[in-house]
Amino acid sequence: MKFISGLALGLLLSAGAWTLSAQNEKAMHPRIAAANEALKDARAYMQEAPHDFGGHRADAIRATDNAIKQLDLALRYRGKEDRRK
């Protein structure tokens, strides 16, 4: 039981550290953070739109998902590098 409690505590602490790091990276790179939010907004709009944008909606959503993922990975990488220093 102690192992499970310790593991749970470790996971909570690392999640908290990631949240602080992510917030810090967003503050340090506001254009990337703003682009990511704009992409999420555009994705939500496309998902709910009553039309398919001339057949481009599915591909646009996939590309948007990939762009969001890549920007998140870029910020995570930057956060890891900043913590090493």
C-alpha atoms as a PDB file:
ATOM      1  CA  MET A   1       0.000   0.000   0.000  1.00  0.00           C
ATOM      2  CA  LYS A   2       2.890   2.379   0.763  1.00  0.00           C
ATOM      3  CA  PHE A   3       4.264   1.775  -2.742  1.00  0.00           C
ATOM      4  CA  ILE A   4       0.950   2.707  -4.351  1.00  0.00           C
ATOM      5  CA  SER A   5       0.631   5.816  -2.169  1.00  0.00           C
ATOM      6  CA  GLY A   6       4.182   6.838  -3.048  1.00  0.00           C
ATOM      7  CA  LEU A   7       3.573   6.220  -6.714  1.00  0.00           C
ATOM      8  CA  ALA A   8       0.367   8.271  -6.635  1.00  0.00           C
ATOM      9  CA  LEU A   9       2.159  11.109  -4.849  1.00  0.00           C
ATOM     10  CA  GLY A  10       4.980  11.018  -7.378  1.00  0.00           C
ATOM     11  CA  LEU A  11       2.543  11.190 -10.271  1.00  0.00           C
ATOM     12  CA  LEU A  12       0.690  14.110  -8.699  1.00  0.00           C
ATOM     13  CA  LEU A  13       3.918  15.998  -8.062  1.00  0.00           C
ATOM     14  CA  SER A  14       5.170  15.467 -11.603  1.00  0.00           C
ATOM     15  CA  ALA A  15       1.812  16.512 -13.038  1.00  0.00           C
ATOM     16  CA  GLY A  16       1.987  19.666 -10.930  1.00  0.00           C
ATOM     17  CA  ALA A  17       5.552  20.329 -12.068  1.00  0.00           C
ATOM     18  CA  TRP A  18       4.501  19.884 -15.711  1.00  0.00           C
ATOM     19  CA  THR A  19       1.607  22.303 -15.233  1.00  0.00           C
ATOM     20  CA  LEU A  20       3.929  24.954 -13.797  1.00  0.00           C
ATOM     21  CA  SER A  21       6.482  24.301 -16.522  1.00  0.00           C
ATOM     22  CA  ALA A  22       3.836  24.446 -19.257  1.00  0.00           C
ATOM     23  CA  GLN A  23       2.504  27.720 -17.905  1.00  0.00           C
ATOM     24  CA  ASN A  24       6.030  29.097 -17.762  1.00  0.00           C
ATOM     25  CA  GLU A  25       6.786  28.048 -21.328  1.00  0.00           C
ATOM     26  CA  LYS A  26       3.527  29.588 -22.547  1.00  0.00           C
ATOM     27  CA  ALA A  27       4.507  32.829 -20.821  1.00  0.00           C
ATOM     28  CA  MET A  28       7.992  32.685 -22.350  1.00  0.00           C
ATOM     29  CA  HIS A  29       6.634  31.927 -25.835  1.00  0.00           C
ATOM     30  CA  PRO A  30       3.337  33.824 -26.060  1.00  0.00           C
ATOM     31  CA  ARG A  31       3.108  33.639 -29.856  1.00  0.00           C
ATOM     32  CA  ILE A  32       3.241  29.851 -29.794  1.00  0.00           C
ATOM     33  CA  ALA A  33       0.673  29.758 -26.982  1.00  0.00           C
ATOM     34  CA  ALA A  34      -1.603  32.149 -28.888  1.00  0.00           C
ATOM     35  CA  ALA A  35      -1.256  30.145 -32.107  1.00  0.00           C
ATOM     36  CA  ASN A  36      -2.138  26.969 -30.245  1.00  0.00           C
ATOM     37  CA  GLU A  37      -5.262  28.556 -28.776  1.00  0.00           C
ATOM     38  CA  ALA A  38      -6.277  29.914 -32.199  1.00  0.00           C
ATOM     39  CA  LEU A  39      -5.833  26.447 -33.719  1.00  0.00           C
ATOM     40  CA  LYS A  40      -7.978  24.879 -30.996  1.00  0.00           C
ATOM     41  CA  ASP A  41     -10.661  27.484 -31.618  1.00  0.00           C
ATOM     42  CA  ALA A  42     -10.559  26.928 -35.391  1.00  0.00           C
ATOM     43  CA  ARG A  43     -10.738  23.161 -34.895  1.00  0.00           C
ATOM     44  CA  ALA A  44     -13.805  23.492 -32.670  1.00  0.00           C
ATOM     45  CA  TYR A  45     -15.430  25.783 -35.232  1.00  0.00           C
ATOM     46  CA  MET A  46     -14.740  23.377 -38.106  1.00  0.00           C
ATOM     47  CA  GLN A  47     -15.979  20.413 -36.086  1.00  0.00           C
ATOM     48  CA  GLU A  48     -19.325  22.108 -35.411  1.00  0.00           C
ATOM     49  CA  ALA A  49     -19.756  23.779 -38.808  1.00  0.00           C
ATOM     50  CA  PRO A  50     -22.857  22.747 -40.770  1.00  0.00           C
ATOM     51  CA  HIS A  51     -20.829  22.319 -43.974  1.00  0.00           C
ATOM     52  CA  ASP A  52     -17.635  20.526 -44.944  1.00  0.00           C
ATOM     53  CA  PHE A  53     -15.734  23.462 -46.471  1.00  0.00           C
ATOM     54  CA  GLY A  54     -15.829  21.982 -49.959  1.00  0.00           C
ATOM     55  CA  GLY A  55     -14.625  18.601 -48.781  1.00  0.00           C
ATOM     56  CA  HIS A  56     -11.615  20.002 -46.916  1.00  0.00           C
ATOM     57  CA  ARG A  57     -12.917  19.850 -43.346  1.00  0.00           C
ATOM     58  CA  ALA A  58     -11.649  16.363 -42.426  1.00  0.00           C
ATOM     59  CA  ASP A  59      -8.141  17.041 -43.769  1.00  0.00           C
ATOM     60  CA  ALA A  60      -8.092  20.487 -42.154  1.00  0.00           C
ATOM     61  CA  ILE A  61      -9.064  19.018 -38.785  1.00  0.00           C
ATOM     62  CA  ARG A  62      -6.348  16.350 -39.063  1.00  0.00           C
ATOM     63  CA  ALA A  63      -3.754  18.960 -40.013  1.00  0.00           C
ATOM     64  CA  THR A  64      -4.904  21.199 -37.173  1.00  0.00           C
ATOM     65  CA  ASP A  65      -4.655  18.316 -34.694  1.00  0.00           C
ATOM     66  CA  ASN A  66      -1.116  17.655 -35.901  1.00  0.00           C
ATOM     67  CA  ALA A  67      -0.166  21.338 -35.639  1.00  0.00           C
ATOM     68  CA  ILE A  68      -1.519  21.498 -32.073  1.00  0.00           C
ATOM     69  CA  LYS A  69       0.423  18.363 -31.170  1.00  0.00           C
ATOM     70  CA  GLN A  70       3.649  19.734 -32.667  1.00  0.00           C
ATOM     71  CA  LEU A  71       3.332  23.070 -30.858  1.00  0.00           C
ATOM     72  CA  ASP A  72       2.707  21.234 -27.573  1.00  0.00           C
ATOM     73  CA  LEU A  73       5.778  19.072 -28.197  1.00  0.00           C
ATOM     74  CA  ALA A  74       7.856  22.159 -28.999  1.00  0.00           C
ATOM     75  CA  LEU A  75       6.859  23.788 -25.705  1.00  0.00           C
ATOM     76  CA  ARG A  76       7.547  20.564 -23.777  1.00  0.00           C
ATOM     77  CA  TYR A  77      10.973  20.286 -25.361  1.00  0.00           C
ATOM     78  CA  ARG A  78      11.746  23.883 -24.507  1.00  0.00           C
ATOM     79  CA  GLY A  79      10.599  23.268 -20.923  1.00  0.00           C
ATOM     80  CA  LYS A  80      12.905  20.244 -20.561  1.00  0.00           C
ATOM     81  CA  GLU A  81      15.841  22.190 -21.944  1.00  0.00           C
ATOM     82  CA  ASP A  82      15.156  25.157 -19.670  1.00  0.00           C
ATOM     83  CA  ARG A  83      15.035  22.892 -16.600  1.00  0.00           C
ATOM     84  CA  ARG A  84      18.445  21.398 -17.498  1.00  0.00           C
ATOM     85  CA  LYS A  85      20.153  24.753 -17.195  1.00  0.00           C
END
